[in-house]
């Protein structure tokens, strides 16, 4: 069941953001193939062509912190710079960073799907903006949840949803606060019992060495016994201590 956090029914919403978020989530769900979430390697930019300008990939670098691995042009325009390598929290005002960090950590740790409604206050040369954030978990090459596919869309509050006005974000950089958020934990498969049914639990506590497996035919190759090469006399002398070398010599006295 979805869990609402800090929701505000009166908060402005981004119509464009909802549409882009729904398209991105539909693409993410189409890649599941029976899994709780897709892998990062499954993501093909051609599949999110209409959302590409607003899309991003996050990498988890610390609890509650994800940095941009990739980011669309719209996100860079909001900051007035290339955001690759920067944390997601750099798009938020200081008072809102703890909340977005908790939301990011929920996506990685539970894992979960997260959505948030955002707002950026108006200022000199800066119209008020309504934003929409979606974060969808992804696994890395080792199966760990360390990546996020998401979108970040902001549009002027006077906008009615038409795409032609969405780039009028005013003077950069823009900072946002969270006005409403929703977290939906994913249904993860239950952990398998490491102790098979009917097995003697004391058997697994035995420290006896397993008996060697007999050689088999096919691709198994017979082992050739190792015979060390005999050492030369010079090698023997090199390995001896001075006392050992002196002991090898014998004093011969010649009788007159």
C-alpha atoms as a PDB file:
ATOM      1  CA  UNK A   1       0.000   0.000   0.000  1.00  0.00           C
ATOM      2  CA  UNK A   2       1.215   3.473  -0.796  1.00  0.00           C
ATOM      3  CA  UNK A   3       2.306   5.556   2.164  1.00  0.00           C
ATOM      4  CA  UNK A   4       1.666   9.323   2.020  1.00  0.00           C
ATOM      5  CA  UNK A   5       4.220  11.557   3.703  1.00  0.00           C
ATOM      6  CA  UNK A   6       3.948  15.314   4.169  1.00  0.00           C
ATOM      7  CA  UNK A   7       1.168  15.500   1.596  1.00  0.00           C
ATOM      8  CA  UNK A   8      -0.477  18.843   0.928  1.00  0.00           C
ATOM      9  CA  UNK A   9      -3.656  18.815  -1.132  1.00  0.00           C
ATOM     10  CA  UNK A  10      -3.341  22.533  -1.837  1.00  0.00           C
ATOM     11  CA  UNK A  11       0.188  22.231  -3.201  1.00  0.00           C
ATOM     12  CA  UNK A  12       0.531  23.066  -6.904  1.00  0.00           C
ATOM     13  CA  UNK A  13       1.273  20.142  -9.183  1.00  0.00           C
ATOM     14  CA  UNK A  14       3.149  19.940 -12.463  1.00  0.00           C
ATOM     15  CA  UNK A  15       0.844  18.572 -15.156  1.00  0.00           C
ATOM     16  CA  UNK A  16       3.786  17.964 -17.469  1.00  0.00           C
ATOM     17  CA  UNK A  17       5.648  16.263 -14.645  1.00  0.00           C
ATOM     18  CA  UNK A  18       2.808  13.830 -14.000  1.00  0.00           C
ATOM     19  CA  UNK A  19       2.653  12.863 -17.674  1.00  0.00           C
ATOM     20  CA  UNK A  20       6.413  12.376 -17.962  1.00  0.00           C
ATOM     21  CA  UNK A  21       6.481  10.464 -14.679  1.00  0.00           C
ATOM     22  CA  UNK A  22       3.699   8.123 -15.810  1.00  0.00           C
ATOM     23  CA  UNK A  23       5.502   7.429 -19.091  1.00  0.00           C
ATOM     24  CA  UNK A  24       8.770   6.689 -17.298  1.00  0.00           C
ATOM     25  CA  UNK A  25       7.094   4.402 -14.789  1.00  0.00           C
ATOM     26  CA  UNK A  26       5.289   2.512 -17.572  1.00  0.00           C
ATOM     27  CA  UNK A  27       8.634   1.952 -19.293  1.00  0.00           C
ATOM     28  CA  UNK A  28      10.203   0.782 -16.007  1.00  0.00           C
ATOM     29  CA  UNK A  29       7.336  -1.651 -15.382  1.00  0.00           C
ATOM     30  CA  UNK A  30       7.611  -3.043 -18.931  1.00  0.00           C
ATOM     31  CA  UNK A  31      11.199  -4.120 -18.116  1.00  0.00           C
ATOM     32  CA  UNK A  32      10.354  -6.067 -14.950  1.00  0.00           C
ATOM     33  CA  UNK A  33       9.972  -9.512 -16.587  1.00  0.00           C
ATOM     34  CA  UNK A  34       8.883 -11.060 -13.288  1.00  0.00           C
ATOM     35  CA  UNK A  35      11.550  -9.295 -11.221  1.00  0.00           C
ATOM     36  CA  UNK A  36      10.940  -6.761  -8.448  1.00  0.00           C
ATOM     37  CA  UNK A  37      12.869  -4.170 -10.479  1.00  0.00           C
ATOM     38  CA  UNK A  38      14.880  -3.936 -13.708  1.00  0.00           C
ATOM     39  CA  UNK A  39      18.650  -3.729 -13.948  1.00  0.00           C
ATOM     40  CA  UNK A  40      20.589  -0.638 -14.964  1.00  0.00           C
ATOM     41  CA  UNK A  41      21.812  -2.515 -18.038  1.00  0.00           C
ATOM     42  CA  UNK A  42      18.201  -2.890 -19.216  1.00  0.00           C
ATOM     43  CA  UNK A  43      17.705   0.854 -19.687  1.00  0.00           C
ATOM     44  CA  UNK A  44      17.745   1.942 -23.329  1.00  0.00           C
ATOM     45  CA  UNK A  45      17.477   5.706 -23.970  1.00  0.00           C
ATOM     46  CA  UNK A  46      15.475   4.997 -27.119  1.00  0.00           C
ATOM     47  CA  UNK A  47      12.691   3.616 -24.951  1.00  0.00           C
ATOM     48  CA  UNK A  48      12.246   6.922 -23.084  1.00  0.00           C
ATOM     49  CA  UNK A  49      12.713   9.313 -25.986  1.00  0.00           C
ATOM     50  CA  UNK A  50       9.971  11.729 -24.911  1.00  0.00           C
ATOM     51  CA  UNK A  51      11.143  11.741 -21.296  1.00  0.00           C
ATOM     52  CA  UNK A  52      14.870  11.856 -22.027  1.00  0.00           C
ATOM     53  CA  UNK A  53      15.184  15.615 -21.502  1.00  0.00           C
ATOM     54  CA  UNK A  54      13.862  15.252 -17.953  1.00  0.00           C
ATOM     55  CA  UNK A  55      15.335  11.850 -17.048  1.00  0.00           C
ATOM     56  CA  UNK A  56      18.310  11.026 -14.857  1.00  0.00           C
ATOM     57  CA  UNK A  57      20.284   8.105 -13.442  1.00  0.00           C
ATOM     58  CA  UNK A  58      21.405   8.265  -9.812  1.00  0.00           C
ATOM     59  CA  UNK A  59      24.163   6.261  -8.162  1.00  0.00           C
ATOM     60  CA  UNK A  60      24.091   5.590  -4.442  1.00  0.00           C
ATOM     61  CA  UNK A  61      27.294   6.899  -2.852  1.00  0.00           C
ATOM     62  CA  UNK A  62      26.232   7.025   0.818  1.00  0.00           C
ATOM     63  CA  UNK A  63      23.087   6.482   2.898  1.00  0.00           C
ATOM     64  CA  UNK A  64      20.530   9.019   1.696  1.00  0.00           C
ATOM     65  CA  UNK A  65      22.814  10.393  -1.006  1.00  0.00           C
ATOM     66  CA  UNK A  66      22.618   9.747  -4.718  1.00  0.00           C
ATOM     67  CA  UNK A  67      24.696  11.550  -7.310  1.00  0.00           C
ATOM     68  CA  UNK A  68      23.843  12.116 -10.933  1.00  0.00           C
ATOM     69  CA  UNK A  69      25.467   9.694 -13.333  1.00  0.00           C
ATOM     70  CA  UNK A  70      23.384  11.042 -16.229  1.00  0.00           C
ATOM     71  CA  UNK A  71      20.950  13.940 -16.391  1.00  0.00           C
ATOM     72  CA  UNK A  72      18.743  15.444 -19.093  1.00  0.00           C
ATOM     73  CA  UNK A  73      19.122  18.976 -20.398  1.00  0.00           C
ATOM     74  CA  UNK A  74      16.090  20.266 -18.471  1.00  0.00           C
ATOM     75  CA  UNK A  75      17.778  19.425 -15.150  1.00  0.00           C
ATOM     76  CA  UNK A  76      21.010  21.089 -16.228  1.00  0.00           C
ATOM     77  CA  UNK A  77      19.061  24.199 -17.270  1.00  0.00           C
ATOM     78  CA  UNK A  78      17.458  24.441 -13.822  1.00  0.00           C
ATOM     79  CA  UNK A  79      20.923  24.502 -12.237  1.00  0.00           C
ATOM     80  CA  UNK A  80      22.566  26.548 -15.000  1.00  0.00           C
ATOM     81  CA  UNK A  81      25.392  24.016 -15.272  1.00  0.00           C
ATOM     82  CA  UNK A  82      26.237  20.380 -15.968  1.00  0.00           C
ATOM     83  CA  UNK A  83      25.016  18.376 -12.969  1.00  0.00           C
ATOM     84  CA  UNK A  84      26.797  15.078 -13.637  1.00  0.00           C
ATOM     85  CA  UNK A  85      28.589  14.026 -10.467  1.00  0.00           C
ATOM     86  CA  UNK A  86      26.541  16.371  -8.268  1.00  0.00           C
ATOM     87  CA  UNK A  87      24.162  15.064  -5.557  1.00  0.00           C
ATOM     88  CA  UNK A  88      20.420  15.177  -6.091  1.00  0.00           C
ATOM     89  CA  UNK A  89      20.143  17.376  -2.996  1.00  0.00           C
ATOM     90  CA  UNK A  90      21.924  20.196  -4.860  1.00  0.00           C
ATOM     91  CA  UNK A  91      18.573  20.941  -6.534  1.00  0.00           C
ATOM     92  CA  UNK A  92      16.936  21.580  -3.160  1.00  0.00           C
ATOM     93  CA  UNK A  93      16.970  24.373  -0.629  1.00  0.00           C
ATOM     94  CA  UNK A  94      18.860  23.612   2.616  1.00  0.00           C
ATOM     95  CA  UNK A  95      15.631  23.178   4.593  1.00  0.00           C
ATOM     96  CA  UNK A  96      14.415  20.528   2.151  1.00  0.00           C
ATOM     97  CA  UNK A  97      17.549  18.428   1.767  1.00  0.00           C
ATOM     98  CA  UNK A  98      16.966  16.182   4.774  1.00  0.00           C
ATOM     99  CA  UNK A  99      13.521  15.279   3.459  1.00  0.00           C
ATOM    100  CA  UNK A 100      14.760  14.467  -0.048  1.00  0.00           C
ATOM    101  CA  UNK A 101      17.661  12.463   1.433  1.00  0.00           C
ATOM    102  CA  UNK A 102      15.184  10.338   3.425  1.00  0.00           C
ATOM    103  CA  UNK A 103      13.109   9.838   0.291  1.00  0.00           C
ATOM    104  CA  UNK A 104      16.176   8.796  -1.706  1.00  0.00           C
ATOM    105  CA  UNK A 105      17.296   6.357   0.984  1.00  0.00           C
ATOM    106  CA  UNK A 106      13.844   4.729   1.000  1.00  0.00           C
ATOM    107  CA  UNK A 107      14.143   4.052  -2.734  1.00  0.00           C
ATOM    108  CA  UNK A 108      17.528   2.366  -2.299  1.00  0.00           C
ATOM    109  CA  UNK A 109      17.091   0.598   1.039  1.00  0.00           C
ATOM    110  CA  UNK A 110      13.522  -0.764   0.993  1.00  0.00           C
ATOM    111  CA  UNK A 111      13.521  -0.662  -2.089  1.00  0.00           C
ATOM    112  CA  UNK A 112      10.579   1.510  -3.125  1.00  0.00           C
ATOM    113  CA  UNK A 113       9.117   3.808  -5.736  1.00  0.00           C
ATOM    114  CA  UNK A 114       8.993   7.455  -4.683  1.00  0.00           C
ATOM    115  CA  UNK A 115       7.171  10.493  -6.058  1.00  0.00           C
ATOM    116  CA  UNK A 116       7.300  14.040  -4.770  1.00  0.00           C
ATOM    117  CA  UNK A 117       5.601  17.328  -5.510  1.00  0.00           C
ATOM    118  CA  UNK A 118       7.989  20.260  -5.448  1.00  0.00           C
ATOM    119  CA  UNK A 119       7.873  24.028  -5.458  1.00  0.00           C
ATOM    120  CA  UNK A 120      10.450  26.755  -6.074  1.00  0.00           C
ATOM    121  CA  UNK A 121       9.533  30.175  -4.731  1.00  0.00           C
ATOM    122  CA  UNK A 122       9.399  33.190  -7.041  1.00  0.00           C
ATOM    123  CA  UNK A 123      12.138  35.827  -6.887  1.00  0.00           C
ATOM    124  CA  UNK A 124      13.796  38.512  -8.986  1.00  0.00           C
ATOM    125  CA  UNK A 125      13.934  37.088 -12.491  1.00  0.00           C
ATOM    126  CA  UNK A 126      12.579  33.805 -11.164  1.00  0.00           C
ATOM    127  CA  UNK A 127       8.945  32.808 -11.659  1.00  0.00           C
ATOM    128  CA  UNK A 128       7.438  30.404  -9.165  1.00  0.00           C
ATOM    129  CA  UNK A 129       7.873  26.801 -10.285  1.00  0.00           C
ATOM    130  CA  UNK A 130       5.888  23.638  -9.631  1.00  0.00           C
ATOM    131  CA  UNK A 131       7.921  20.454  -9.904  1.00  0.00           C
ATOM    132  CA  UNK A 132       7.430  16.719  -9.990  1.00  0.00           C
ATOM    133  CA  UNK A 133      10.038  14.100  -9.049  1.00  0.00           C
ATOM    134  CA  UNK A 134       9.859  10.347  -9.678  1.00  0.00           C
ATOM    135  CA  UNK A 135      12.492   7.812  -8.546  1.00  0.00           C
ATOM    136  CA  UNK A 136      12.462   4.146  -9.614  1.00  0.00           C
ATOM    137  CA  UNK A 137      15.041   1.663  -8.215  1.00  0.00           C
ATOM    138  CA  UNK A 138      17.437  -0.320 -10.412  1.00  0.00           C
ATOM    139  CA  UNK A 139      19.947  -3.057  -9.663  1.00  0.00           C
ATOM    140  CA  UNK A 140      23.605  -2.940 -10.666  1.00  0.00           C
ATOM    141  CA  UNK A 141      25.687  -5.709 -12.259  1.00  0.00           C
ATOM    142  CA  UNK A 142      25.922  -7.484  -8.886  1.00  0.00           C
ATOM    143  CA  UNK A 143      22.185  -7.392  -8.160  1.00  0.00           C
ATOM    144  CA  UNK A 144      22.420  -4.664  -5.495  1.00  0.00           C
ATOM    145  CA  UNK A 145      20.051  -1.691  -5.540  1.00  0.00           C
ATOM    146  CA  UNK A 146      22.558   1.104  -6.205  1.00  0.00           C
ATOM    147  CA  UNK A 147      20.970   2.916  -9.156  1.00  0.00           C
ATOM    148  CA  UNK A 148      17.808   4.941  -9.684  1.00  0.00           C
ATOM    149  CA  UNK A 149      15.995   5.850 -12.876  1.00  0.00           C
ATOM    150  CA  UNK A 150      14.057   9.059 -12.393  1.00  0.00           C
ATOM    151  CA  UNK A 151      12.676  12.246 -13.850  1.00  0.00           C
ATOM    152  CA  UNK A 152      12.638  15.823 -12.618  1.00  0.00           C
ATOM    153  CA  UNK A 153      10.188  18.207 -14.287  1.00  0.00           C
ATOM    154  CA  UNK A 154       9.561  21.840 -13.319  1.00  0.00           C
ATOM    155  CA  UNK A 155       7.273  24.375 -15.015  1.00  0.00           C
ATOM    156  CA  UNK A 156       6.063  27.898 -14.167  1.00  0.00           C
ATOM    157  CA  UNK A 157       3.023  28.053 -11.915  1.00  0.00           C
ATOM    158  CA  UNK A 158       1.164  30.123 -14.525  1.00  0.00           C
ATOM    159  CA  UNK A 159       1.669  27.313 -17.022  1.00  0.00           C
ATOM    160  CA  UNK A 160      -1.377  25.281 -18.044  1.00  0.00           C
ATOM    161  CA  UNK A 161       0.637  22.265 -19.081  1.00  0.00           C
ATOM    162  CA  UNK A 162       1.721  23.210 -22.601  1.00  0.00           C
ATOM    163  CA  UNK A 163       5.254  22.136 -23.376  1.00  0.00           C
ATOM    164  CA  UNK A 164       6.200  25.408 -25.033  1.00  0.00           C
ATOM    165  CA  UNK A 165       6.297  27.237 -21.685  1.00  0.00           C
ATOM    166  CA  UNK A 166       8.191  24.632 -19.706  1.00  0.00           C
ATOM    167  CA  UNK A 167      11.628  26.136 -20.424  1.00  0.00           C
ATOM    168  CA  UNK A 168      10.689  29.487 -18.855  1.00  0.00           C
ATOM    169  CA  UNK A 169      12.303  28.630 -15.521  1.00  0.00           C
ATOM    170  CA  UNK A 170      13.923  32.028 -15.013  1.00  0.00           C
ATOM    171  CA  UNK A 171      17.383  32.774 -13.692  1.00  0.00           C
ATOM    172  CA  UNK A 172      19.395  29.748 -12.578  1.00  0.00           C
ATOM    173  CA  UNK A 173      20.097  28.074 -10.290  1.00  0.00           C
ATOM    174  CA  UNK A 174      16.674  27.087  -8.955  1.00  0.00           C
ATOM    175  CA  UNK A 175      16.193  25.442  -5.575  1.00  0.00           C
ATOM    176  CA  UNK A 176      13.137  23.406  -4.567  1.00  0.00           C
ATOM    177  CA  UNK A 177      11.353  22.219  -1.449  1.00  0.00           C
ATOM    178  CA  UNK A 178       9.109  19.172  -1.051  1.00  0.00           C
ATOM    179  CA  UNK A 179       5.410  19.903  -0.584  1.00  0.00           C
ATOM    180  CA  UNK A 180       4.145  16.321  -0.803  1.00  0.00           C
ATOM    181  CA  UNK A 181       5.628  12.852  -1.189  1.00  0.00           C
ATOM    182  CA  UNK A 182       4.509   9.280  -1.690  1.00  0.00           C
ATOM    183  CA  UNK A 183       6.504   6.086  -1.136  1.00  0.00           C
ATOM    184  CA  UNK A 184       5.423   2.701  -2.469  1.00  0.00           C
ATOM    185  CA  UNK A 185       7.579  -0.198  -1.173  1.00  0.00           C
ATOM    186  CA  UNK A 186       8.162  -2.965  -3.697  1.00  0.00           C
ATOM    187  CA  UNK A 187       7.014  -6.511  -3.064  1.00  0.00           C
ATOM    188  CA  UNK A 188      10.247  -8.436  -2.671  1.00  0.00           C
ATOM    189  CA  UNK A 189      10.377 -12.262  -2.920  1.00  0.00           C
ATOM    190  CA  UNK A 190      10.733 -14.052   0.436  1.00  0.00           C
ATOM    191  CA  UNK A 191      14.181 -15.192   1.454  1.00  0.00           C
ATOM    192  CA  UNK A 192      14.846 -18.892   0.925  1.00  0.00           C
ATOM    193  CA  UNK A 193      15.368 -21.122   3.951  1.00  0.00           C
ATOM    194  CA  UNK A 194      19.114 -21.843   4.003  1.00  0.00           C
ATOM    195  CA  UNK A 195      18.369 -25.143   5.843  1.00  0.00           C
ATOM    196  CA  UNK A 196      16.625 -27.596   3.443  1.00  0.00           C
ATOM    197  CA  UNK A 197      13.684 -29.458   4.926  1.00  0.00           C
ATOM    198  CA  UNK A 198      14.513 -32.882   6.343  1.00  0.00           C
ATOM    199  CA  UNK A 199      18.227 -32.243   6.620  1.00  0.00           C
ATOM    200  CA  UNK A 200      19.972 -33.053   9.881  1.00  0.00           C
ATOM    201  CA  UNK A 201      21.010 -29.651  11.317  1.00  0.00           C
ATOM    202  CA  UNK A 202      24.016 -31.244  13.057  1.00  0.00           C
ATOM    203  CA  UNK A 203      25.349 -32.462   9.741  1.00  0.00           C
ATOM    204  CA  UNK A 204      26.069 -28.898   8.666  1.00  0.00           C
ATOM    205  CA  UNK A 205      28.106 -28.354  11.845  1.00  0.00           C
ATOM    206  CA  UNK A 206      30.586 -31.143  11.074  1.00  0.00           C
ATOM    207  CA  UNK A 207      34.144 -30.022  10.499  1.00  0.00           C
ATOM    208  CA  UNK A 208      35.243 -33.236   8.783  1.00  0.00           C
ATOM    209  CA  UNK A 209      37.133 -32.736   5.563  1.00  0.00           C
ATOM    210  CA  UNK A 210      35.217 -33.964   2.527  1.00  0.00           C
ATOM    211  CA  UNK A 211      36.606 -37.035   0.828  1.00  0.00           C
ATOM    212  CA  UNK A 212      38.358 -36.373  -2.466  1.00  0.00           C
ATOM    213  CA  UNK A 213      36.242 -36.776  -5.566  1.00  0.00           C
ATOM    214  CA  UNK A 214      37.363 -39.547  -7.929  1.00  0.00           C
ATOM    215  CA  UNK A 215      38.596 -38.549 -11.349  1.00  0.00           C
ATOM    216  CA  UNK A 216      35.970 -38.731 -14.061  1.00  0.00           C
ATOM    217  CA  UNK A 217      36.173 -39.096 -17.779  1.00  0.00           C
ATOM    218  CA  UNK A 218      35.128 -36.503 -20.311  1.00  0.00           C
ATOM    219  CA  UNK A 219      36.693 -33.081 -19.776  1.00  0.00           C
ATOM    220  CA  UNK A 220      38.472 -34.208 -16.571  1.00  0.00           C
ATOM    221  CA  UNK A 221      42.198 -34.589 -17.067  1.00  0.00           C
ATOM    222  CA  UNK A 222      44.399 -37.021 -15.171  1.00  0.00           C
ATOM    223  CA  UNK A 223      46.823 -35.418 -12.764  1.00  0.00           C
ATOM    224  CA  UNK A 224      50.524 -35.808 -13.544  1.00  0.00           C
ATOM    225  CA  UNK A 225      52.637 -36.329 -10.398  1.00  0.00           C
ATOM    226  CA  UNK A 226      55.069 -33.526  -9.760  1.00  0.00           C
ATOM    227  CA  UNK A 227      58.737 -34.479  -9.673  1.00  0.00           C
ATOM    228  CA  UNK A 228      61.102 -31.673  -8.694  1.00  0.00           C
ATOM    229  CA  UNK A 229      64.168 -31.108 -10.871  1.00  0.00           C
ATOM    230  CA  UNK A 230      67.390 -32.214  -9.203  1.00  0.00           C
ATOM    231  CA  UNK A 231      69.476 -29.304  -8.068  1.00  0.00           C
ATOM    232  CA  UNK A 232      72.934 -28.656  -9.404  1.00  0.00           C
ATOM    233  CA  UNK A 233      75.936 -28.553  -7.059  1.00  0.00           C
ATOM    234  CA  UNK A 234      76.243 -24.780  -7.460  1.00  0.00           C
ATOM    235  CA  UNK A 235      72.644 -24.352  -6.343  1.00  0.00           C
ATOM    236  CA  UNK A 236      73.267 -26.477  -3.252  1.00  0.00           C
ATOM    237  CA  UNK A 237      76.307 -24.400  -2.345  1.00  0.00           C
ATOM    238  CA  UNK A 238      74.376 -21.136  -2.825  1.00  0.00           C
ATOM    239  CA  UNK A 239      71.727 -22.253  -0.324  1.00  0.00           C
ATOM    240  CA  UNK A 240      74.240 -23.266   2.355  1.00  0.00           C
ATOM    241  CA  UNK A 241      75.414 -21.091   5.229  1.00  0.00           C
ATOM    242  CA  UNK A 242      79.149 -20.291   5.515  1.00  0.00           C
ATOM    243  CA  UNK A 243      79.505 -22.777   8.368  1.00  0.00           C
ATOM    244  CA  UNK A 244      77.882 -25.513   6.298  1.00  0.00           C
ATOM    245  CA  UNK A 245      80.182 -24.814   3.376  1.00  0.00           C
ATOM    246  CA  UNK A 246      83.323 -24.892   5.606  1.00  0.00           C
ATOM    247  CA  UNK A 247      82.206 -28.246   7.012  1.00  0.00           C
ATOM    248  CA  UNK A 248      82.387 -29.736   3.531  1.00  0.00           C
ATOM    249  CA  UNK A 249      86.135 -29.137   3.292  1.00  0.00           C
ATOM    250  CA  UNK A 250      88.668 -31.362   4.995  1.00  0.00           C
ATOM    251  CA  UNK A 251      92.224 -30.409   5.932  1.00  0.00           C
ATOM    252  CA  UNK A 252      94.776 -32.888   4.558  1.00  0.00           C
ATOM    253  CA  UNK A 253      98.194 -32.912   6.128  1.00  0.00           C
ATOM    254  CA  UNK A 254     101.123 -34.171   4.098  1.00  0.00           C
ATOM    255  CA  UNK A 255     103.590 -36.211   6.135  1.00  0.00           C
ATOM    256  CA  UNK A 256     107.260 -35.394   5.480  1.00  0.00           C
END
